[in-house]
C-alpha atoms as a PDB file:
ATOM      1  CA  MET A   1      13.116  -0.909  16.672  1.00  0.00           C
ATOM      2  CA  ILE A   2      10.770  -2.731  18.922  1.00  0.00           C
ATOM      3  CA  VAL A   3      10.381   0.493  20.832  1.00  0.00           C
ATOM      4  CA  PHE A   4       9.732   2.521  17.586  1.00  0.00           C
ATOM      5  CA  PHE A   5       7.008   0.354  16.759  1.00  0.00           C
ATOM      6  CA  LYS A   6       5.395   0.467  20.137  1.00  0.00           C
ATOM      7  CA  ARG A   7       5.152   4.247  19.781  1.00  0.00           C
ATOM      8  CA  ILE A   8       3.048   4.023  16.412  1.00  0.00           C
ATOM      9  CA  THR A   9      -0.548   3.774  17.643  1.00  0.00           C
ATOM     10  CA  SER A  10      -2.086   2.752  14.301  1.00  0.00           C
ATOM     11  CA  LYS A  11      -1.928  -0.794  13.231  1.00  0.00           C
ATOM     12  CA  ASP A  12      -1.777  -0.024   9.345  1.00  0.00           C
ATOM     13  CA  LYS A  13       1.265   2.191  10.325  1.00  0.00           C
ATOM     14  CA  ARG A  14       3.041  -0.543  12.024  1.00  0.00           C
ATOM     15  CA  ILE A  15       2.579  -2.948   9.189  1.00  0.00           C
ATOM     16  CA  PHE A  16       3.582  -0.273   6.501  1.00  0.00           C
ATOM     17  CA  PHE A  17       6.808   0.584   8.547  1.00  0.00           C
ATOM     18  CA  ALA A  18       7.654  -3.287   8.925  1.00  0.00           C
ATOM     19  CA  TYR A  19       7.274  -3.264   5.066  1.00  0.00           C
ATOM     20  CA  ALA A  20       9.243  -0.153   4.418  1.00  0.00           C
ATOM     21  CA  PHE A  21      12.112  -1.390   6.770  1.00  0.00           C
ATOM     22  CA  PHE A  22      12.426  -4.901   5.430  1.00  0.00           C
ATOM     23  CA  THR A  23      11.862  -3.593   1.838  1.00  0.00           C
ATOM     24  CA  THR A  24      14.907  -1.100   2.153  1.00  0.00           C
ATOM     25  CA  ILE A  25      16.898  -4.134   3.402  1.00  0.00           C
ATOM     26  CA  LEU A  26      16.122  -6.208   0.224  1.00  0.00           C
ATOM     27  CA  ILE A  27      16.602  -3.331  -1.984  1.00  0.00           C
ATOM     28  CA  LEU A  28      20.299  -2.968  -0.586  1.00  0.00           C
ATOM     29  CA  LEU A  29      20.896  -6.493  -1.129  1.00  0.00           C
ATOM     30  CA  VAL A  30      19.545  -6.110  -4.752  1.00  0.00           C
ATOM     31  CA  TYR A  31      22.016  -3.412  -5.535  1.00  0.00           C
ATOM     32  CA  TYR A  32      24.872  -5.171  -3.643  1.00  0.00           C
ATOM     33  CA  PHE A  33      24.461  -8.212  -5.726  1.00  0.00           C
ATOM     34  CA  LEU A  34      23.939  -6.185  -8.994  1.00  0.00           C
ATOM     35  CA  LEU A  35      26.683  -3.480  -8.832  1.00  0.00           C
ATOM     36  CA  VAL A  36      29.194  -4.692  -6.195  1.00  0.00           C
ATOM     37  CA  ASN A  37      29.270  -8.430  -6.040  1.00  0.00           C
ATOM     38  CA  HIS A  38      27.958  -8.924  -9.789  1.00  0.00           C
ATOM     39  CA  ASN A  39      26.135 -11.955  -8.865  1.00  0.00           C
ATOM     40  CA  LYS A  40      23.035 -12.080 -11.074  1.00  0.00           C
ATOM     41  CA  ASP A  41      21.873 -15.261  -9.579  1.00  0.00           C
ATOM     42  CA  ASN A  42      21.743 -13.852  -6.141  1.00  0.00           C
ATOM     43  CA  TYR A  43      20.203 -10.608  -7.555  1.00  0.00           C
ATOM     44  CA  PHE A  44      17.123 -12.375  -9.312  1.00  0.00           C
ATOM     45  CA  LEU A  45      16.515 -14.543  -6.280  1.00  0.00           C
ATOM     46  CA  THR A  46      16.546 -11.632  -3.803  1.00  0.00           C
ATOM     47  CA  ALA A  47      14.291  -9.702  -6.301  1.00  0.00           C
ATOM     48  CA  ARG A  48      12.007 -12.655  -6.155  1.00  0.00           C
ATOM     49  CA  PHE A  49      11.867 -12.890  -2.482  1.00  0.00           C
ATOM     50  CA  HIS A  50      11.070  -9.378  -2.461  1.00  0.00           C
ATOM     51  CA  THR A  51       8.145 -10.053  -4.515  1.00  0.00           C
ATOM     52  CA  VAL A  52       6.833 -12.703  -2.322  1.00  0.00           C
ATOM     53  CA  PHE A  53       7.557 -10.387   0.784  1.00  0.00           C
ATOM     54  CA  GLU A  54       5.715  -7.524  -0.965  1.00  0.00           C
ATOM     55  CA  PHE A  55       2.782  -9.407  -1.913  1.00  0.00           C
ATOM     56  CA  SER A  56       2.410 -11.106   1.611  1.00  0.00           C
ATOM     57  CA  LEU A  57       2.717  -7.818   3.656  1.00  0.00           C
ATOM     58  CA  LEU A  58       0.538  -5.659   1.521  1.00  0.00           C
ATOM     59  CA  THR A  59      -2.214  -8.308   1.197  1.00  0.00           C
ATOM     60  CA  TYR A  60      -2.467  -8.186   5.088  1.00  0.00           C
ATOM     61  CA  LEU A  61      -2.397  -4.626   5.250  1.00  0.00           C
ATOM     62  CA  PHE A  62      -5.052  -3.908   2.786  1.00  0.00           C
ATOM     63  CA  SER A  63      -7.255  -6.979   4.043  1.00  0.00           C
ATOM     64  CA  ASN A  64      -6.925  -5.326   7.591  1.00  0.00           C
ATOM     65  CA  ALA A  65      -8.389  -1.996   6.096  1.00  0.00           C
ATOM     66  CA  ILE A  66     -11.319  -3.893   4.295  1.00  0.00           C
ATOM     67  CA  LYS A  67     -14.608  -4.096   6.702  1.00  0.00           C
ATOM     68  CA  ASN A  68     -16.434  -6.633   4.535  1.00  0.00           C
ATOM     69  CA  LYS A  69     -16.022  -9.891   6.151  1.00  0.00           C
ATOM     70  CA  VAL A  70     -15.999 -12.230   3.256  1.00  0.00           C
ATOM     71  CA  PHE A  71     -13.567 -10.125   0.970  1.00  0.00           C
ATOM     72  CA  LYS A  72     -11.507  -9.562   3.971  1.00  0.00           C
ATOM     73  CA  LYS A  73     -10.480 -12.954   4.226  1.00  0.00           C
ATOM     74  CA  ILE A  74     -10.108 -14.248   0.481  1.00  0.00           C
ATOM     75  CA  PRO A  75      -6.885 -12.250  -0.087  1.00  0.00           C
ATOM     76  CA  LEU A  76      -5.201 -13.844   2.888  1.00  0.00           C
ATOM     77  CA  TYR A  77      -6.032 -17.303   1.467  1.00  0.00           C
ATOM     78  CA  LEU A  78      -4.298 -16.396  -1.948  1.00  0.00           C
ATOM     79  CA  ILE A  79      -0.824 -15.632  -0.081  1.00  0.00           C
ATOM     80  CA  LEU A  80       0.016 -19.286  -0.292  1.00  0.00           C
ATOM     81  CA  PRO A  81      -1.122 -20.028  -3.866  1.00  0.00           C
ATOM     82  CA  PHE A  82       0.995 -16.842  -4.786  1.00  0.00           C
ATOM     83  CA  ILE A  83       4.106 -18.236  -3.048  1.00  0.00           C
ATOM     84  CA  ILE A  84       3.549 -21.603  -4.824  1.00  0.00           C
ATOM     85  CA  LEU A  85       3.371 -19.622  -8.254  1.00  0.00           C
ATOM     86  CA  CYS A  86       6.559 -17.884  -7.367  1.00  0.00           C
ATOM     87  CA  ILE A  87       8.335 -21.121  -6.481  1.00  0.00           C
ATOM     88  CA  LEU A  88       7.086 -22.811  -9.725  1.00  0.00           C
ATOM     89  CA  ASP A  89       8.234 -19.952 -11.772  1.00  0.00           C
ATOM     90  CA  TYR A  90      11.632 -19.918 -10.396  1.00  0.00           C
ATOM     91  CA  THR A  91      12.025 -23.540 -10.775  1.00  0.00           C
ATOM     92  CA  SER A  92      10.803 -23.648 -14.313  1.00  0.00           C
ATOM     93  CA  SER A  93      12.992 -20.553 -15.550  1.00  0.00           C
ATOM     94  CA  LYS A  94      15.634 -21.788 -17.829  1.00  0.00           C
ATOM     95  CA  GLU A  95      18.007 -18.944 -16.851  1.00  0.00           C
ATOM     96  CA  PRO A  96      18.082 -16.509 -13.958  1.00  0.00           C
ATOM     97  CA  SER A  97      15.397 -13.784 -14.785  1.00  0.00           C
ATOM     98  CA  LEU A  98      12.874 -11.509 -13.133  1.00  0.00           C
ATOM     99  CA  ALA A  99       9.554 -13.064 -12.116  1.00  0.00           C
ATOM    100  CA  PHE A 100       7.449 -11.614 -14.806  1.00  0.00           C
ATOM    101  CA  VAL A 101       4.266 -13.908 -14.289  1.00  0.00           C
ATOM    102  CA  PRO A 102       4.304 -13.430 -10.207  1.00  0.00           C
ATOM    103  CA  LEU A 103       4.583  -9.491 -10.843  1.00  0.00           C
ATOM    104  CA  PHE A 104       2.022  -9.225 -13.593  1.00  0.00           C
ATOM    105  CA  THR A 105      -0.156 -11.335 -11.342  1.00  0.00           C
ATOM    106  CA  GLU A 106       0.692  -9.257  -8.122  1.00  0.00           C
ATOM    107  CA  CYS A 107      -0.130  -6.036 -10.198  1.00  0.00           C
ATOM    108  CA  LEU A 108      -3.658  -7.382 -11.386  1.00  0.00           C
ATOM    109  CA  PHE A 109      -4.381  -8.693  -7.767  1.00  0.00           C
ATOM    110  CA  PHE A 110      -3.700  -5.337  -5.850  1.00  0.00           C
ATOM    111  CA  LEU A 111      -5.506  -3.370  -8.620  1.00  0.00           C
ATOM    112  CA  ILE A 112      -8.563  -5.335  -7.654  1.00  0.00           C
ATOM    113  CA  LEU A 113      -7.922  -5.228  -4.176  1.00  0.00           C
ATOM    114  CA  ILE A 114      -7.357  -1.489  -3.800  1.00  0.00           C
ATOM    115  CA  LEU A 115     -10.105  -0.435  -6.039  1.00  0.00           C
ATOM    116  CA  PHE A 116     -12.446  -2.797  -3.860  1.00  0.00           C
ATOM    117  CA  PHE A 117     -11.186  -0.785  -0.792  1.00  0.00           C
ATOM    118  CA  PHE A 118     -11.906   2.682  -2.490  1.00  0.00           C
ATOM    119  CA  PHE A 119     -15.503   1.191  -3.628  1.00  0.00           C
ATOM    120  CA  GLU A 120     -16.085   0.032  -0.038  1.00  0.00           C
ATOM    121  CA  LYS A 121     -15.067   3.514   1.434  1.00  0.00           C
ATOM    122  CA  ILE A 122     -17.416   5.385  -1.025  1.00  0.00           C
ATOM    123  CA  LYS A 123     -20.277   3.340   0.364  1.00  0.00           C
ATOM    124  CA  GLN A 124     -19.577   3.763   3.864  1.00  0.00           C
ATOM    125  CA  ASP A 125     -20.794   6.667   6.025  1.00  0.00           C
ATOM    126  CA  ALA A 126     -17.733   8.668   6.738  1.00  0.00           C
ATOM    127  CA  THR A 127     -17.102   9.801  10.339  1.00  0.00           C
ATOM    128  CA  GLU A 128     -13.866  11.683   9.349  1.00  0.00           C
ATOM    129  CA  PRO A 129     -12.284  12.911   5.953  1.00  0.00           C
ATOM    130  CA  ILE A 130     -10.966   9.881   3.889  1.00  0.00           C
ATOM    131  CA  PHE A 131      -8.050  11.973   2.914  1.00  0.00           C
ATOM    132  CA  ALA A 132      -7.113  12.636   6.545  1.00  0.00           C
ATOM    133  CA  THR A 133      -6.329   8.865   6.979  1.00  0.00           C
ATOM    134  CA  PHE A 134      -3.047   6.934   6.511  1.00  0.00           C
ATOM    135  CA  ILE A 135      -4.399   4.028   4.703  1.00  0.00           C
ATOM    136  CA  PHE A 136      -6.152   6.322   2.020  1.00  0.00           C
ATOM    137  CA  TRP A 137      -2.915   7.794   0.888  1.00  0.00           C
ATOM    138  CA  CYS A 138      -0.977   4.426   1.207  1.00  0.00           C
ATOM    139  CA  ALA A 139      -3.829   2.898  -1.217  1.00  0.00           C
ATOM    140  CA  VAL A 140      -3.386   5.874  -3.667  1.00  0.00           C
ATOM    141  CA  ALA A 141       0.383   5.520  -3.722  1.00  0.00           C
ATOM    142  CA  PHE A 142       0.059   1.737  -4.341  1.00  0.00           C
ATOM    143  CA  LEU A 143      -2.685   1.915  -6.983  1.00  0.00           C
ATOM    144  CA  LEU A 144      -0.510   4.263  -8.948  1.00  0.00           C
ATOM    145  CA  ASN A 145       2.543   2.078  -8.448  1.00  0.00           C
ATOM    146  CA  PHE A 146       0.841  -1.211  -9.657  1.00  0.00           C
ATOM    147  CA  SER A 147      -1.073   0.356 -12.429  1.00  0.00           C
ATOM    148  CA  GLY A 148       2.058   1.844 -13.643  1.00  0.00           C
ATOM    149  CA  ASN A 149       3.996  -1.132 -13.352  1.00  0.00           C
ATOM    150  CA  PHE A 150       1.156  -2.989 -15.228  1.00  0.00           C
ATOM    151  CA  MET A 151       1.443  -0.635 -17.918  1.00  0.00           C
ATOM    152  CA  LEU A 152       5.353  -1.122 -18.182  1.00  0.00           C
ATOM    153  CA  PHE A 153       4.890  -4.793 -18.382  1.00  0.00           C
ATOM    154  CA  VAL A 154       2.221  -4.426 -21.406  1.00  0.00           C
ATOM    155  CA  TYR A 155       4.570  -2.105 -22.887  1.00  0.00           C
ATOM    156  CA  SER A 156       7.523  -4.368 -22.636  1.00  0.00           C
ATOM    157  CA  LYS A 157       5.641  -7.375 -24.023  1.00  0.00           C
ATOM    158  CA  THR A 158       4.116  -5.467 -26.896  1.00  0.00           C
ATOM    159  CA  THR A 159       7.252  -3.725 -28.051  1.00  0.00           C
ATOM    160  CA  ILE A 160       9.230  -5.419 -30.864  1.00  0.00           C
ATOM    161  CA  ILE A 161      11.917  -3.143 -31.291  1.00  0.00           C
ATOM    162  CA  LYS A 162      13.694  -2.513 -27.657  1.00  0.00           C
ATOM    163  CA  ASP A 163      16.116   0.101 -28.830  1.00  0.00           C
ATOM    164  CA  ASP A 164      17.531   3.019 -26.808  1.00  0.00           C
ATOM    165  CA  ALA A 165      14.230   4.940 -27.255  1.00  0.00           C
ATOM    166  CA  TYR A 166      12.259   2.063 -25.820  1.00  0.00           C
ATOM    167  CA  LYS A 167      14.995   2.075 -22.981  1.00  0.00           C
ATOM    168  CA  ALA A 168      14.574   5.650 -22.307  1.00  0.00           C
ATOM    169  CA  ASN A 169      10.741   5.657 -22.119  1.00  0.00           C
ATOM    170  CA  TYR A 170      10.823   2.639 -19.870  1.00  0.00           C
ATOM    171  CA  ALA A 171      13.194   4.340 -17.526  1.00  0.00           C
ATOM    172  CA  VAL A 172      11.060   7.785 -17.533  1.00  0.00           C
ATOM    173  CA  VAL A 173       7.977   5.929 -16.945  1.00  0.00           C
ATOM    174  CA  TYR A 174       9.268   3.799 -14.014  1.00  0.00           C
ATOM    175  CA  THR A 175      11.220   6.720 -12.454  1.00  0.00           C
ATOM    176  CA  THR A 176       8.272   9.004 -12.513  1.00  0.00           C
ATOM    177  CA  VAL A 177       5.887   6.472 -10.909  1.00  0.00           C
ATOM    178  CA  THR A 178       8.313   5.331  -8.380  1.00  0.00           C
ATOM    179  CA  ILE A 179       9.017   8.947  -7.161  1.00  0.00           C
ATOM    180  CA  ILE A 180       5.359   9.879  -7.203  1.00  0.00           C
ATOM    181  CA  LYS A 181       4.699   6.838  -5.102  1.00  0.00           C
ATOM    182  CA  ASN A 182       7.384   7.562  -2.571  1.00  0.00           C
ATOM    183  CA  ILE A 183       5.997  11.118  -1.958  1.00  0.00           C
ATOM    184  CA  LEU A 184       2.550   9.662  -1.547  1.00  0.00           C
ATOM    185  CA  LEU A 185       3.859   7.141   0.991  1.00  0.00           C
ATOM    186  CA  CYS A 186       5.585   9.976   2.663  1.00  0.00           C
ATOM    187  CA  ILE A 187       2.475  11.977   2.991  1.00  0.00           C
ATOM    188  CA  ALA A 188       0.784   8.652   4.232  1.00  0.00           C
ATOM    189  CA  ALA A 189       3.277   8.200   7.009  1.00  0.00           C
ATOM    190  CA  SER A 190       3.013  11.827   8.118  1.00  0.00           C
ATOM    191  CA  ILE A 191      -0.613  11.705   8.617  1.00  0.00           C
ATOM    192  CA  LYS A 192      -1.586  11.861  12.314  1.00  0.00           C
ATOM    193  CA  GLU A 193      -4.922  10.282  12.769  1.00  0.00           C
ATOM    194  CA  PRO A 194      -7.220  10.980  15.454  1.00  0.00           C
ATOM    195  CA  THR A 195      -7.287   8.834  18.619  1.00  0.00           C
ATOM    196  CA  LEU A 196     -10.341   6.528  19.590  1.00  0.00           C
ATOM    197  CA  SER A 197     -11.745   9.161  21.880  1.00  0.00           C
ATOM    198  CA  GLU A 198     -11.384  12.122  19.128  1.00  0.00           C
ATOM    199  CA  LYS A 199     -12.963   9.328  16.693  1.00  0.00           C
ATOM    200  CA  MET A 200     -15.997   9.125  19.137  1.00  0.00           C
ATOM    201  CA  ASN A 201     -16.364  13.082  19.370  1.00  0.00           C
ATOM    202  CA  LEU A 202     -16.342  13.082  15.534  1.00  0.00           C
ATOM    203  CA  SER A 203     -18.998  10.623  15.051  1.00  0.00           C
ATOM    204  CA  ASN A 204     -21.115  12.291  17.780  1.00  0.00           C
ATOM    205  CA  PRO A 205     -20.620  15.998  17.118  1.00  0.00           C
ATOM    206  CA  ASN A 206     -23.276  17.126  19.446  1.00  0.00           C
ATOM    207  CA  ILE A 207     -22.313  15.239  22.428  1.00  0.00           C
ATOM    208  CA  PHE A 208     -20.679  18.239  24.112  1.00  0.00           C
ATOM    209  CA  ASP A 209     -23.170  20.720  22.311  1.00  0.00           C
ATOM    210  CA  LEU A 210     -24.908  23.052  24.774  1.00  0.00           C
ATOM    211  CA  ASN A 211     -27.858  24.661  22.907  1.00  0.00           C
ATOM    212  CA  PHE A 212     -27.866  27.914  24.916  1.00  0.00           C
ATOM    213  CA  ASP A 213     -30.351  29.423  22.375  1.00  0.00           C
ATOM    214  CA  ASN A 214     -33.184  27.345  23.792  1.00  0.00           C
ATOM    215  CA  HIS A 215     -32.382  27.224  27.435  1.00  0.00           C
ATOM    216  CA  PRO A 216     -34.612  29.522  29.599  1.00  0.00           C
ATOM    217  CA  ASP A 217     -31.840  30.852  31.863  1.00  0.00           C
ATOM    218  CA  PHE A 218     -29.693  31.988  29.016  1.00  0.00           C
ATOM    219  CA  THR A 219     -32.525  33.308  26.623  1.00  0.00           C
ATOM    220  CA  ASN A 220     -33.925  35.315  29.587  1.00  0.00           C
ATOM    221  CA  PRO A 221     -30.995  36.235  31.799  1.00  0.00           C
ATOM    222  CA  GLU A 222     -33.298  38.828  34.039  1.00  0.00           C
ATOM    223  CA  LYS A 223     -35.211  35.754  35.460  1.00  0.00           C
ATOM    224  CA  ILE A 224     -31.951  34.411  37.058  1.00  0.00           C
END
């Protein structure tokens, strides 16, 4: 595992693969407690721990991609308050349940953070196509994920009658959002970003450009 991470040159990709690896372990634990062990207490506790882990690592990922020095640090300072919110929500729950308030807060937080990331990218002078970078597709994937989950939370709270039709609609939206998000993350992981030397060449496209048209030895070869 350590050797694998060393081969990944991009820091953003290292953070993402760490997120994907530990998320997979937590999801397996969630399904084990839900379907095999039938322990709802551990199921909800693991799900809440995943929320804290996801918030912390994704905050670090997108903060690392933001260039603004002030806005770059603010999200990192919000990790601890979010952890405290999760703990308070868990201890105040009368019975084991999903962390609705932390999840709702997480969706709003990342919608703002990712939109600021795109706003910053639009204002910057691009030395390479933004869609050719890992972080772009990763941001698109999580923007879709959190916006879809946000709508589902609103849908679940505003729906009075939660019959079979409600459950079917909820499942369709959640499944569609999750599948598209995972496809976009696969695209992000497959992006091969240029090395530092290649980026320097992109930022200085004329560095090795020989203007033969204006050179006297090439415009007048008979004088050689």
